[in-house]
Structures are given as C-alpha cells and as structure tokens.
Protein backbone atom coordinates (compact mmCIF):
# COMPACT_ATOMS: atom_id res chain seq x y z
CA MET A 1 -11.86 -111.30 324.93
CA LYS A 2 -9.58 -108.65 323.44
CA ASN A 3 -7.27 -106.84 325.86
CA THR A 4 -7.75 -103.07 325.50
CA ARG A 5 -5.16 -100.62 326.77
CA LYS A 6 -5.39 -96.88 327.22
CA ILE A 7 -3.13 -94.45 325.37
CA ASN A 8 -2.90 -90.85 326.49
CA GLY A 9 -4.18 -88.98 323.43
CA LYS A 10 -2.47 -85.68 324.27
CA GLU A 11 0.86 -87.43 324.76
CA PHE A 12 0.41 -89.37 321.51
CA VAL A 13 -0.41 -86.21 319.51
CA GLY A 14 2.51 -84.45 321.20
CA ASP A 15 4.83 -87.25 320.11
CA LEU A 16 3.51 -87.00 316.54
CA ARG A 17 4.07 -83.25 316.47
CA ALA A 18 7.52 -83.68 318.07
CA GLY A 19 8.56 -85.69 315.02
CA PHE A 20 8.28 -89.28 316.26
CA SER A 21 8.26 -91.58 313.26
CA PRO A 22 5.46 -94.15 312.97
CA HIS A 23 8.05 -96.82 313.80
CA GLU A 24 9.02 -94.99 317.00
CA LEU A 25 5.35 -94.59 317.94
CA MET A 26 4.70 -98.27 317.34
CA GLU A 27 7.62 -99.17 319.58
CA LYS A 28 6.80 -96.68 322.36
CA TYR A 29 3.10 -97.56 322.53
CA GLU A 30 3.53 -101.25 321.61
CA LEU A 31 1.31 -100.98 318.54
CA SER A 32 0.99 -102.94 315.34
CA GLY A 33 0.71 -101.13 312.02
CA ASP A 34 -3.06 -101.71 312.07
CA ASP A 35 -3.29 -100.35 315.64
CA LEU A 36 -1.41 -97.23 314.60
CA ARG A 37 -3.72 -96.69 311.61
CA LYS A 38 -6.76 -96.96 313.92
CA ILE A 39 -5.30 -94.47 316.38
CA LEU A 40 -4.44 -92.04 313.58
CA ARG A 41 -8.06 -92.32 312.41
CA MET A 42 -9.23 -91.61 316.00
CA VAL A 43 -6.94 -88.56 316.14
CA LEU A 44 -8.53 -87.27 312.93
CA ASP A 45 -12.08 -88.10 314.05
CA ALA A 46 -11.48 -86.26 317.34
CA SER A 47 -10.09 -83.24 315.39
CA ALA A 48 -6.93 -83.42 317.52
CA MET A 49 -4.86 -82.95 314.35
CA LYS A 50 -5.64 -81.93 310.80
CA LYS A 51 -5.35 -84.46 308.01
CA THR A 52 -2.64 -82.34 306.36
CA GLU A 53 -0.53 -82.53 309.55
CA ILE A 54 -0.71 -86.31 309.63
CA GLU A 55 -0.08 -86.66 305.90
CA SER A 56 3.06 -84.53 306.20
CA LEU A 57 4.76 -87.08 308.46
CA PRO A 58 7.84 -88.39 306.59
CA SER A 59 7.13 -92.08 307.14
CA LEU A 60 3.52 -91.91 306.01
CA TYR A 61 2.51 -92.07 302.40
CA GLU A 62 -0.62 -91.68 300.37
CA GLY A 63 -1.35 -94.67 298.21
CA THR A 64 -2.74 -94.50 294.71
CA ASN A 65 -6.23 -95.11 296.12
CA GLY A 66 -5.97 -91.97 298.29
CA GLN A 67 -5.65 -94.00 301.50
CA ALA A 68 -2.98 -92.93 303.95
CA GLY A 69 -0.80 -95.77 305.09
CA ILE A 70 2.32 -96.59 307.03
CA ARG A 71 5.53 -97.60 305.33
CA ARG A 72 6.83 -101.01 306.35
CA PHE A 73 10.38 -99.68 306.25
CA GLN A 74 11.31 -96.25 307.50
CA ARG A 75 12.40 -93.92 304.71
CA LYS A 76 15.23 -91.43 304.93
CA ARG A 77 15.62 -88.20 303.02
CA LEU A 78 19.25 -87.86 302.07
CA ASP A 79 21.26 -84.78 302.99
CA TYR A 80 23.06 -84.96 299.65
CA THR A 81 21.96 -85.51 296.05
CA MET A 82 21.86 -89.07 294.72
CA TYR A 83 20.76 -90.10 291.24
CA VAL A 84 19.54 -93.43 289.90
CA TYR A 85 20.13 -94.33 286.26
CA ASP A 86 18.96 -97.18 284.07
CA SER A 87 22.01 -99.42 283.58
CA VAL A 88 21.31 -99.72 279.84
CA ASP A 89 20.23 -96.14 279.08
CA GLN A 90 22.05 -93.82 281.45
CA LEU A 91 20.19 -90.85 279.99
CA ASP A 92 17.08 -92.27 281.69
CA GLY A 93 17.32 -91.54 285.39
CA GLY A 94 16.13 -89.43 288.24
CA GLU A 95 16.87 -87.98 291.64
CA VAL A 96 16.37 -90.04 294.79
CA MET A 97 13.80 -88.30 297.00
CA ASP A 98 13.92 -90.81 299.86
CA VAL A 99 15.33 -94.26 300.45
CA SER A 100 14.92 -97.32 302.70
CA GLU A 101 16.59 -100.70 302.87
CA GLN A 102 13.86 -102.07 300.57
CA GLY A 103 13.26 -99.30 298.06
CA MET A 104 13.28 -95.66 297.09
CA GLN A 105 11.22 -92.86 295.64
CA ILE A 106 12.66 -91.33 292.45
CA LYS A 107 11.74 -88.07 290.75
CA GLY A 108 12.20 -87.79 286.99
CA LEU A 109 12.54 -91.47 286.05
CA ARG A 110 10.52 -92.56 283.00
CA ILE A 111 9.16 -95.93 284.06
CA ALA A 112 5.85 -97.80 284.14
CA LYS A 113 4.26 -99.60 287.06
CA GLY A 114 5.34 -103.25 287.06
CA GLU A 115 8.47 -102.59 284.99
CA GLU A 116 11.65 -104.19 286.34
CA ARG A 117 15.11 -102.85 285.52
CA THR A 118 18.71 -102.79 286.66
CA PHE A 119 19.83 -99.43 288.06
CA ILE A 120 23.03 -97.67 289.06
CA ALA A 121 22.91 -95.25 292.01
CA ARG A 122 25.49 -92.46 292.20
CA SER A 123 25.96 -89.50 294.51
CA LYS A 124 26.35 -86.10 292.91
CA ALA A 125 29.62 -85.68 294.81
CA ARG A 126 31.19 -88.87 293.46
CA SER A 127 33.85 -89.00 296.17
CA GLN A 128 31.20 -89.06 298.90
CA HIS A 129 29.97 -92.63 298.24
CA ARG A 130 30.76 -95.33 295.76
CA PRO A 131 28.13 -96.17 293.11
CA PHE A 132 26.05 -99.29 293.63
CA VAL A 133 23.93 -101.49 291.37
CA PHE A 134 20.54 -103.03 292.10
CA GLU A 135 17.49 -104.46 290.39
CA ALA A 136 14.09 -103.03 291.24
CA ILE A 137 10.47 -103.18 290.20
CA CYS A 138 8.32 -100.08 289.91
CA CYS A 139 5.42 -100.33 292.37
CA TRP A 140 3.74 -97.04 291.51
CA VAL A 141 4.09 -93.95 289.33
CA GLU A 142 2.53 -90.52 289.76
CA LYS A 143 2.48 -88.19 286.75
CA PRO A 144 1.31 -84.86 288.20
CA ASP A 145 1.58 -82.76 285.04
CA GLY A 146 2.62 -85.21 282.33
CA ASP A 147 6.21 -83.89 282.25
CA PRO A 148 8.53 -86.90 282.87
CA LYS A 149 10.92 -84.62 284.82
CA ASN A 150 8.20 -84.38 287.50
CA TRP A 151 7.15 -88.03 287.58
CA LEU A 152 7.49 -89.74 290.94
CA ALA A 153 8.10 -93.48 291.05
CA GLY A 154 8.32 -95.96 293.88
CA LEU A 155 10.95 -98.66 293.34
CA LYS A 156 11.10 -101.88 295.34
CA ILE A 157 14.56 -103.45 295.35
CA THR A 158 14.33 -107.04 294.14
CA ARG A 159 18.02 -107.95 293.89
CA ILE A 160 21.17 -106.37 295.26
CA SER A 161 24.60 -107.84 296.02
CA HIS A 162 25.79 -108.14 299.59
CA LEU A 163 28.45 -105.45 299.01
CA ASP A 164 25.97 -103.05 297.39
CA ALA A 165 23.41 -103.72 300.15
CA LYS A 166 26.10 -102.74 302.65
CA GLU A 167 26.73 -99.51 300.69
CA LEU A 168 22.99 -98.76 300.70
CA GLY A 169 22.83 -99.48 304.43
CA GLU A 170 25.62 -96.99 305.13
CA ARG A 171 23.57 -94.29 303.42
CA LEU A 172 20.69 -94.98 305.80
CA LEU A 173 22.74 -94.29 308.94
C-alpha cells in the first residue's frame, strides 16, 4: 500500500510565489520530480495558481510537445553577458540565456537539433572570467520568427575538461 502524506496547499503555493525553485520545493516537501509534477497539476486543477504563473518559474521549462516539465539541473541566469561561439566558425554564436552544470540555453546560435559541436564560451567583460571550451549536442531549437538572431537552442554538454568544468562551476555560484 502506498504511503500518502499531506502537504499544506496554501503553504506550497506561498513557497512557489516566494520564489522557491522546484529543487528547493522537492527538498522541503521530500518530493520526487514526478511528485512535484502531480502537485503542480493539482495546483492548476484547483485554480490556486494560473498556468502562466507556474510556467514563469525559472527552473521550469516548456518542452517541444507543449508539456511543462522540471529541469533535472537547476539553471541560473547570469548577471553578466556571456557568449558561446562555434570553435571553427566564430562568427556563428549566440548569447547565453541561462546555464547549468549540464547545459545551457543560447539565443542566436544557428544550429540544428542533434548537431554536436565544440564551443568556446567567453564573457563580454573578458577580464571577468576566463574563456572555456566544451563539446555539446543540441537537444532542441525554437525558431519563433525564422530570424536566426532570435533562435533559442538547448545545448547539453557532452565533454568538458576538468579545468573548464571548474570554470563553469564558478559561474554557477
């Protein structure tokens, strides 16, 4: 028999609105990712929050099938500008919108889903952080208006050196 526990709905919604990340909610309420998805669905079904409120949470995403989901790794929006360039064609690159230890979302990169490349990441203020190199595969691309400057792409890091992983990790602090 499955053990069912009670979660105070008002407290949960309050935590969501207070800015708790999905990872913090999962820890506080001892939830799995699937449990959290079910509770978010219950919150919507009970009209305790609007769908747009839930979708605006920084660690949630909308997949290509329109289904809201929970990121496995918490993403961070940087408080400075960082660009990612193709290591072969440095004219092909884009701005990092958010980043995690496993990947990043890039705006303006011309890439196709499934394409794997080697990239160089640089901060706009070059003295702020040293550049780092990594290999990544494109997991998804959104082309809202057909203009490559507005494309959004999700990159999953497939290979990165220990030193460059450390540099990436420092940016996530």
